[in-house]
Amino acid sequence: MNIFNSVVRVKILALLYGLEYCEFNYLKEKLNLTDGNLEHHLKKLEEVGFIEQKKSIIGGKVKTSIKITNKGREAFKNYIYEI
């Protein structure tokens, strides 16, 4: 499966590329996605090792932080060079 055949996954990587990490809700709002849709795409990116997710409890609420991995950063950079 080509991870870059989804515009949503490309946008996720583009947002993460310039950040150290971001919160799930930040991505959801920026990309105008539902929880389920974003979770689906994040799972695909995590399966290929392009992102890492870390869940923590802050103030009684679960917070999910997402960051791009070195593998994901390199793959995204190569993808941009190709297009």
PDB file of N, CA and C in Angstrom:
ATOM      1  N   MET A   1       0.839  -1.182   0.000  1.00  0.00           N
ATOM      2  CA  MET A   1       0.000   0.000   0.000  1.00  0.00           C
ATOM      3  C   MET A   1       0.883   1.243   0.000  1.00  0.00           C
ATOM      4  N   ASN A   2       0.576   2.152  -0.880  1.00  0.00           N
ATOM      5  CA  ASN A   2       1.293   3.418  -0.917  1.00  0.00           C
ATOM      6  C   ASN A   2       0.649   4.366   0.077  1.00  0.00           C
ATOM      7  N   ILE A   3       1.384   4.709   1.101  1.00  0.00           N
ATOM      8  CA  ILE A   3       0.858   5.557   2.165  1.00  0.00           C
ATOM      9  C   ILE A   3       0.514   6.950   1.648  1.00  0.00           C
ATOM     10  N   PHE A   4       1.147   7.351   0.559  1.00  0.00           N
ATOM     11  CA  PHE A   4       0.944   8.689   0.021  1.00  0.00           C
ATOM     12  C   PHE A   4      -0.208   8.782  -0.984  1.00  0.00           C
ATOM     13  N   ASN A   5      -0.978   7.698  -1.127  1.00  0.00           N
ATOM     14  CA  ASN A   5      -2.120   7.767  -2.043  1.00  0.00           C
ATOM     15  C   ASN A   5      -3.339   8.396  -1.386  1.00  0.00           C
ATOM     16  N   SER A   6      -3.193   8.832  -0.145  1.00  0.00           N
ATOM     17  CA  SER A   6      -4.274   9.489   0.583  1.00  0.00           C
ATOM     18  C   SER A   6      -3.886  10.942   0.852  1.00  0.00           C
ATOM     19  N   VAL A   7      -4.707  11.858   0.379  1.00  0.00           N
ATOM     20  CA  VAL A   7      -4.464  13.284   0.602  1.00  0.00           C
ATOM     21  C   VAL A   7      -4.437  13.589   2.101  1.00  0.00           C
ATOM     22  N   VAL A   8      -5.290  12.924   2.852  1.00  0.00           N
ATOM     23  CA  VAL A   8      -5.347  13.160   4.301  1.00  0.00           C
ATOM     24  C   VAL A   8      -4.017  12.780   4.955  1.00  0.00           C
ATOM     25  N   ARG A   9      -3.462  11.631   4.595  1.00  0.00           N
ATOM     26  CA  ARG A   9      -2.192  11.211   5.201  1.00  0.00           C
ATOM     27  C   ARG A   9      -1.050  12.133   4.796  1.00  0.00           C
ATOM     28  N   VAL A  10      -1.070  12.615   3.579  1.00  0.00           N
ATOM     29  CA  VAL A  10      -0.054  13.581   3.144  1.00  0.00           C
ATOM     30  C   VAL A  10      -0.177  14.867   3.961  1.00  0.00           C
ATOM     31  N   LYS A  11      -1.395  15.323   4.185  1.00  0.00           N
ATOM     32  CA  LYS A  11      -1.601  16.537   4.985  1.00  0.00           C
ATOM     33  C   LYS A  11      -1.167  16.338   6.432  1.00  0.00           C
ATOM     34  N   ILE A  12      -1.438  15.164   6.994  1.00  0.00           N
ATOM     35  CA  ILE A  12      -1.010  14.873   8.361  1.00  0.00           C
ATOM     36  C   ILE A  12       0.509  14.969   8.458  1.00  0.00           C
ATOM     37  N   LEU A  13       1.196  14.310   7.528  1.00  0.00           N
ATOM     38  CA  LEU A  13       2.654  14.341   7.549  1.00  0.00           C
ATOM     39  C   LEU A  13       3.188  15.748   7.320  1.00  0.00           C
ATOM     40  N   ALA A  14       2.533  16.510   6.458  1.00  0.00           N
ATOM     41  CA  ALA A  14       2.965  17.885   6.198  1.00  0.00           C
ATOM     42  C   ALA A  14       2.858  18.733   7.464  1.00  0.00           C
ATOM     43  N   LEU A  15       1.768  18.579   8.200  1.00  0.00           N
ATOM     44  CA  LEU A  15       1.606  19.324   9.451  1.00  0.00           C
ATOM     45  C   LEU A  15       2.637  18.898  10.489  1.00  0.00           C
ATOM     46  N   LEU A  16       2.847  17.597  10.609  1.00  0.00           N
ATOM     47  CA  LEU A  16       3.782  17.092  11.606  1.00  0.00           C
ATOM     48  C   LEU A  16       5.235  17.391  11.259  1.00  0.00           C
ATOM     49  N   TYR A  17       5.531  17.527   9.988  1.00  0.00           N
ATOM     50  CA  TYR A  17       6.911  17.730   9.532  1.00  0.00           C
ATOM     51  C   TYR A  17       7.547  18.964  10.175  1.00  0.00           C
ATOM     52  N   GLY A  18       6.761  19.996  10.355  1.00  0.00           N
ATOM     53  CA  GLY A  18       7.295  21.229  10.913  1.00  0.00           C
ATOM     54  C   GLY A  18       7.149  21.367  12.416  1.00  0.00           C
ATOM     55  N   LEU A  19       6.655  20.333  13.074  1.00  0.00           N
ATOM     56  CA  LEU A  19       6.407  20.394  14.515  1.00  0.00           C
ATOM     57  C   LEU A  19       7.185  19.314  15.256  1.00  0.00           C
ATOM     58  N   GLU A  20       7.510  19.584  16.516  1.00  0.00           N
ATOM     59  CA  GLU A  20       8.122  18.555  17.340  1.00  0.00           C
ATOM     60  C   GLU A  20       7.095  17.471  17.648  1.00  0.00           C
ATOM     61  N   TYR A  21       5.886  17.903  17.978  1.00  0.00           N
ATOM     62  CA  TYR A  21       4.754  17.001  18.199  1.00  0.00           C
ATOM     63  C   TYR A  21       3.491  17.851  18.163  1.00  0.00           C
ATOM     64  N   CYS A  22       2.336  17.227  18.102  1.00  0.00           N
ATOM     65  CA  CYS A  22       1.083  17.962  18.225  1.00  0.00           C
ATOM     66  C   CYS A  22       0.029  17.062  18.855  1.00  0.00           C
ATOM     67  N   GLU A  23      -1.028  17.676  19.293  1.00  0.00           N
ATOM     68  CA  GLU A  23      -2.127  16.962  19.932  1.00  0.00           C
ATOM     69  C   GLU A  23      -3.122  16.472  18.881  1.00  0.00           C
ATOM     70  N   PHE A  24      -3.794  15.401  19.205  1.00  0.00           N
ATOM     71  CA  PHE A  24      -4.817  14.810  18.342  1.00  0.00           C
ATOM     72  C   PHE A  24      -5.842  15.856  17.921  1.00  0.00           C
ATOM     73  N   ASN A  25      -6.342  16.636  18.888  1.00  0.00           N
ATOM     74  CA  ASN A  25      -7.385  17.619  18.582  1.00  0.00           C
ATOM     75  C   ASN A  25      -6.896  18.722  17.645  1.00  0.00           C
ATOM     76  N   TYR A  26      -5.623  19.063  17.722  1.00  0.00           N
ATOM     77  CA  TYR A  26      -5.048  20.054  16.808  1.00  0.00           C
ATOM     78  C   TYR A  26      -5.153  19.551  15.368  1.00  0.00           C
ATOM     79  N   LEU A  27      -4.733  18.310  15.152  1.00  0.00           N
ATOM     80  CA  LEU A  27      -4.828  17.727  13.804  1.00  0.00           C
ATOM     81  C   LEU A  27      -6.280  17.642  13.353  1.00  0.00           C
ATOM     82  N   LYS A  28      -7.131  17.207  14.247  1.00  0.00           N
ATOM     83  CA  LYS A  28      -8.554  17.056  13.918  1.00  0.00           C
ATOM     84  C   LYS A  28      -9.147  18.382  13.455  1.00  0.00           C
ATOM     85  N   GLU A  29      -8.840  19.449  14.173  1.00  0.00           N
ATOM     86  CA  GLU A  29      -9.378  20.767  13.822  1.00  0.00           C
ATOM     87  C   GLU A  29      -8.760  21.306  12.529  1.00  0.00           C
ATOM     88  N   LYS A  30      -7.443  21.193  12.410  1.00  0.00           N
ATOM     89  CA  LYS A  30      -6.763  21.716  11.220  1.00  0.00           C
ATOM     90  C   LYS A  30      -7.213  21.006   9.943  1.00  0.00           C
ATOM     91  N   LEU A  31      -7.490  19.710  10.050  1.00  0.00           N
ATOM     92  CA  LEU A  31      -7.845  18.919   8.878  1.00  0.00           C
ATOM     93  C   LEU A  31      -9.355  18.726   8.721  1.00  0.00           C
ATOM     94  N   ASN A  32     -10.110  19.226   9.687  1.00  0.00           N
ATOM     95  CA  ASN A  32     -11.565  19.126   9.641  1.00  0.00           C
ATOM     96  C   ASN A  32     -12.024  17.675   9.481  1.00  0.00           C
ATOM     97  N   LEU A  33     -11.525  16.813  10.373  1.00  0.00           N
ATOM     98  CA  LEU A  33     -11.832  15.390  10.323  1.00  0.00           C
ATOM     99  C   LEU A  33     -12.599  14.966  11.576  1.00  0.00           C
ATOM    100  N   THR A  34     -13.296  13.859  11.469  1.00  0.00           N
ATOM    101  CA  THR A  34     -13.931  13.270  12.649  1.00  0.00           C
ATOM    102  C   THR A  34     -12.870  12.488  13.424  1.00  0.00           C
ATOM    103  N   ASP A  35     -13.175  12.163  14.672  1.00  0.00           N
ATOM    104  CA  ASP A  35     -12.257  11.359  15.481  1.00  0.00           C
ATOM    105  C   ASP A  35     -11.919  10.049  14.772  1.00  0.00           C
ATOM    106  N   GLY A  36     -12.948   9.356  14.302  1.00  0.00           N
ATOM    107  CA  GLY A  36     -12.757   8.053  13.673  1.00  0.00           C
ATOM    108  C   GLY A  36     -11.937   8.123  12.402  1.00  0.00           C
ATOM    109  N   ASN A  37     -12.180   9.138  11.591  1.00  0.00           N
ATOM    110  CA  ASN A  37     -11.428   9.277  10.345  1.00  0.00           C
ATOM    111  C   ASN A  37      -9.960   9.555  10.633  1.00  0.00           C
ATOM    112  N   LEU A  38      -9.690  10.460  11.563  1.00  0.00           N
ATOM    113  CA  LEU A  38      -8.302  10.767  11.903  1.00  0.00           C
ATOM    114  C   LEU A  38      -7.619   9.551  12.512  1.00  0.00           C
ATOM    115  N   GLU A  39      -8.302   8.847  13.408  1.00  0.00           N
ATOM    116  CA  GLU A  39      -7.728   7.645  14.020  1.00  0.00           C
ATOM    117  C   GLU A  39      -7.348   6.609  12.964  1.00  0.00           C
ATOM    118  N   HIS A  40      -8.199   6.446  11.961  1.00  0.00           N
ATOM    119  CA  HIS A  40      -7.932   5.488  10.878  1.00  0.00           C
ATOM    120  C   HIS A  40      -6.623   5.842  10.165  1.00  0.00           C
ATOM    121  N   HIS A  41      -6.459   7.097   9.793  1.00  0.00           N
ATOM    122  CA  HIS A  41      -5.266   7.512   9.058  1.00  0.00           C
ATOM    123  C   HIS A  41      -4.019   7.477   9.939  1.00  0.00           C
ATOM    124  N   LEU A  42      -4.156   7.845  11.202  1.00  0.00           N
ATOM    125  CA  LEU A  42      -3.011   7.772  12.112  1.00  0.00           C
ATOM    126  C   LEU A  42      -2.562   6.329  12.305  1.00  0.00           C
ATOM    127  N   LYS A  43      -3.514   5.411  12.369  1.00  0.00           N
ATOM    128  CA  LYS A  43      -3.170   3.995  12.517  1.00  0.00           C
ATOM    129  C   LYS A  43      -2.361   3.512  11.320  1.00  0.00           C
ATOM    130  N   LYS A  44      -2.768   3.912  10.119  1.00  0.00           N
ATOM    131  CA  LYS A  44      -2.036   3.523   8.904  1.00  0.00           C
ATOM    132  C   LYS A  44      -0.615   4.061   8.932  1.00  0.00           C
ATOM    133  N   LEU A  45      -0.466   5.328   9.345  1.00  0.00           N
ATOM    134  CA  LEU A  45       0.860   5.942   9.408  1.00  0.00           C
ATOM    135  C   LEU A  45       1.720   5.294  10.490  1.00  0.00           C
ATOM    136  N   GLU A  46       1.103   4.913  11.590  1.00  0.00           N
ATOM    137  CA  GLU A  46       1.842   4.266  12.674  1.00  0.00           C
ATOM    138  C   GLU A  46       2.273   2.858  12.270  1.00  0.00           C
ATOM    139  N   GLU A  47       1.433   2.145  11.541  1.00  0.00           N
ATOM    140  CA  GLU A  47       1.749   0.782  11.108  1.00  0.00           C
ATOM    141  C   GLU A  47       3.011   0.726  10.254  1.00  0.00           C
ATOM    142  N   VAL A  48       3.263   1.775   9.457  1.00  0.00           N
ATOM    143  CA  VAL A  48       4.455   1.793   8.608  1.00  0.00           C
ATOM    144  C   VAL A  48       5.621   2.514   9.280  1.00  0.00           C
ATOM    145  N   GLY A  49       5.421   2.947  10.527  1.00  0.00           N
ATOM    146  CA  GLY A  49       6.500   3.560  11.282  1.00  0.00           C
ATOM    147  C   GLY A  49       6.766   5.022  10.976  1.00  0.00           C
ATOM    148  N   PHE A  50       5.786   5.721  10.385  1.00  0.00           N
ATOM    149  CA  PHE A  50       5.981   7.126  10.030  1.00  0.00           C
ATOM    150  C   PHE A  50       5.643   8.080  11.168  1.00  0.00           C
ATOM    151  N   ILE A  51       4.839   7.625  12.115  1.00  0.00           N
ATOM    152  CA  ILE A  51       4.497   8.460  13.272  1.00  0.00           C
ATOM    153  C   ILE A  51       4.543   7.615  14.541  1.00  0.00           C
ATOM    154  N   GLU A  52       4.587   8.306  15.664  1.00  0.00           N
ATOM    155  CA  GLU A  52       4.447   7.677  16.977  1.00  0.00           C
ATOM    156  C   GLU A  52       3.352   8.418  17.721  1.00  0.00           C
ATOM    157  N   GLN A  53       2.547   7.661  18.451  1.00  0.00           N
ATOM    158  CA  GLN A  53       1.496   8.250  19.270  1.00  0.00           C
ATOM    159  C   GLN A  53       1.767   7.923  20.732  1.00  0.00           C
ATOM    160  N   LYS A  54       1.534   8.910  21.581  1.00  0.00           N
ATOM    161  CA  LYS A  54       1.707   8.712  23.016  1.00  0.00           C
ATOM    162  C   LYS A  54       0.456   9.215  23.714  1.00  0.00           C
ATOM    163  N   LYS A  55      -0.159   8.351  24.482  1.00  0.00           N
ATOM    164  CA  LYS A  55      -1.366   8.719  25.231  1.00  0.00           C
ATOM    165  C   LYS A  55      -0.995   8.977  26.682  1.00  0.00           C
ATOM    166  N   SER A  56      -1.571  10.034  27.242  1.00  0.00           N
ATOM    167  CA  SER A  56      -1.353  10.357  28.649  1.00  0.00           C
ATOM    168  C   SER A  56      -2.652  10.910  29.221  1.00  0.00           C
ATOM    169  N   ILE A  57      -2.742  10.887  30.531  1.00  0.00           N
ATOM    170  CA  ILE A  57      -3.934  11.417  31.191  1.00  0.00           C
ATOM    171  C   ILE A  57      -3.552  12.735  31.858  1.00  0.00           C
ATOM    172  N   ILE A  58      -4.229  13.791  31.452  1.00  0.00           N
ATOM    173  CA  ILE A  58      -3.983  15.123  31.992  1.00  0.00           C
ATOM    174  C   ILE A  58      -5.321  15.693  32.437  1.00  0.00           C
ATOM    175  N   GLY A  59      -5.424  16.002  33.711  1.00  0.00           N
ATOM    176  CA  GLY A  59      -6.673  16.539  34.241  1.00  0.00           C
ATOM    177  C   GLY A  59      -7.838  15.590  34.069  1.00  0.00           C
ATOM    178  N   GLY A  60      -7.574  14.298  34.144  1.00  0.00           N
ATOM    179  CA  GLY A  60      -8.623  13.305  34.016  1.00  0.00           C
ATOM    180  C   GLY A  60      -9.038  13.005  32.588  1.00  0.00           C
ATOM    181  N   LYS A  61      -8.396  13.641  31.616  1.00  0.00           N
ATOM    182  CA  LYS A  61      -8.728  13.406  30.210  1.00  0.00           C
ATOM    183  C   LYS A  61      -7.539  12.771  29.504  1.00  0.00           C
ATOM    184  N   VAL A  62      -7.852  11.893  28.556  1.00  0.00           N
ATOM    185  CA  VAL A  62      -6.803  11.259  27.763  1.00  0.00           C
ATOM    186  C   VAL A  62      -6.367  12.232  26.678  1.00  0.00           C
ATOM    187  N   LYS A  63      -5.072  12.476  26.617  1.00  0.00           N
ATOM    188  CA  LYS A  63      -4.482  13.332  25.586  1.00  0.00           C
ATOM    189  C   LYS A  63      -3.577  12.469  24.717  1.00  0.00           C
ATOM    190  N   THR A  64      -3.703  12.627  23.418  1.00  0.00           N
ATOM    191  CA  THR A  64      -2.857  11.889  22.494  1.00  0.00           C
ATOM    192  C   THR A  64      -1.921  12.861  21.800  1.00  0.00           C
ATOM    193  N   SER A  65      -0.628  12.625  21.970  1.00  0.00           N
ATOM    194  CA  SER A  65       0.398  13.414  21.293  1.00  0.00           C
ATOM    195  C   SER A  65       0.930  12.600  20.129  1.00  0.00           C
ATOM    196  N   ILE A  66       1.141  13.257  19.003  1.00  0.00           N
ATOM    197  CA  ILE A  66       1.594  12.581  17.797  1.00  0.00           C
ATOM    198  C   ILE A  66       2.849  13.277  17.304  1.00  0.00           C
ATOM    199  N   LYS A  67       3.830  12.479  16.895  1.00  0.00           N
ATOM    200  CA  LYS A  67       5.028  13.064  16.300  1.00  0.00           C
ATOM    201  C   LYS A  67       5.468  12.233  15.108  1.00  0.00           C
ATOM    202  N   ILE A  68       6.108  12.890  14.189  1.00  0.00           N
ATOM    203  CA  ILE A  68       6.637  12.207  13.017  1.00  0.00           C
ATOM    204  C   ILE A  68       7.969  11.569  13.407  1.00  0.00           C
ATOM    205  N   THR A  69       8.222  10.374  12.920  1.00  0.00           N
ATOM    206  CA  THR A  69       9.482   9.687  13.196  1.00  0.00           C
ATOM    207  C   THR A  69      10.520  10.107  12.160  1.00  0.00           C
ATOM    208  N   ASN A  70      11.758   9.743  12.399  1.00  0.00           N
ATOM    209  CA  ASN A  70      12.804  10.010  11.401  1.00  0.00           C
ATOM    210  C   ASN A  70      12.485   9.308  10.086  1.00  0.00           C
ATOM    211  N   LYS A  71      11.967   8.092  10.182  1.00  0.00           N
ATOM    212  CA  LYS A  71      11.571   7.340   8.981  1.00  0.00           C
ATOM    213  C   LYS A  71      10.474   8.092   8.228  1.00  0.00           C
ATOM    214  N   GLY A  72       9.486   8.596   8.953  1.00  0.00           N
ATOM    215  CA  GLY A  72       8.399   9.343   8.334  1.00  0.00           C
ATOM    216  C   GLY A  72       8.878  10.649   7.737  1.00  0.00           C
ATOM    217  N   ARG A  73       9.784  11.331   8.440  1.00  0.00           N
ATOM    218  CA  ARG A  73      10.341  12.595   7.952  1.00  0.00           C
ATOM    219  C   ARG A  73      11.092  12.373   6.638  1.00  0.00           C
ATOM    220  N   GLU A  74      11.902  11.319   6.596  1.00  0.00           N
ATOM    221  CA  GLU A  74      12.678  11.006   5.388  1.00  0.00           C
ATOM    222  C   GLU A  74      11.756  10.611   4.228  1.00  0.00           C
ATOM    223  N   ALA A  75      10.754   9.796   4.508  1.00  0.00           N
ATOM    224  CA  ALA A  75       9.816   9.356   3.468  1.00  0.00           C
ATOM    225  C   ALA A  75       9.029  10.541   2.919  1.00  0.00           C
ATOM    226  N   PHE A  76       8.601  11.443   3.803  1.00  0.00           N
ATOM    227  CA  PHE A  76       7.844  12.610   3.354  1.00  0.00           C
ATOM    228  C   PHE A  76       8.729  13.522   2.517  1.00  0.00           C
ATOM    229  N   LYS A  77       9.960  13.723   2.948  1.00  0.00           N
ATOM    230  CA  LYS A  77      10.887  14.566   2.199  1.00  0.00           C
ATOM    231  C   LYS A  77      11.114  13.978   0.803  1.00  0.00           C
ATOM    232  N   ASN A  78      11.300  12.674   0.701  1.00  0.00           N
ATOM    233  CA  ASN A  78      11.477  12.015  -0.602  1.00  0.00           C
ATOM    234  C   ASN A  78      10.229  12.146  -1.460  1.00  0.00           C
ATOM    235  N   TYR A  79       9.070  12.016  -0.848  1.00  0.00           N
ATOM    236  CA  TYR A  79       7.813  12.167  -1.581  1.00  0.00           C
ATOM    237  C   TYR A  79       7.697  13.575  -2.178  1.00  0.00           C
ATOM    238  N   ILE A  80       8.041  14.578  -1.397  1.00  0.00           N
ATOM    239  CA  ILE A  80       7.966  15.961  -1.885  1.00  0.00           C
ATOM    240  C   ILE A  80       8.935  16.183  -3.046  1.00  0.00           C
ATOM    241  N   TYR A  81      10.127  15.612  -2.955  1.00  0.00           N
ATOM    242  CA  TYR A  81      11.092  15.747  -4.039  1.00  0.00           C
ATOM    243  C   TYR A  81      10.601  15.089  -5.322  1.00  0.00           C
ATOM    244  N   GLU A  82       9.834  14.014  -5.186  1.00  0.00           N
ATOM    245  CA  GLU A  82       9.332  13.279  -6.351  1.00  0.00           C
ATOM    246  C   GLU A  82       8.187  13.991  -7.078  1.00  0.00           C
ATOM    247  N   ILE A  83       7.422  14.796  -6.356  1.00  0.00           N
ATOM    248  CA  ILE A  83       6.265  15.428  -7.018  1.00  0.00           C
ATOM    249  C   ILE A  83       6.559  16.755  -7.616  1.00  0.00           C
TER     250      ILE A  83
END
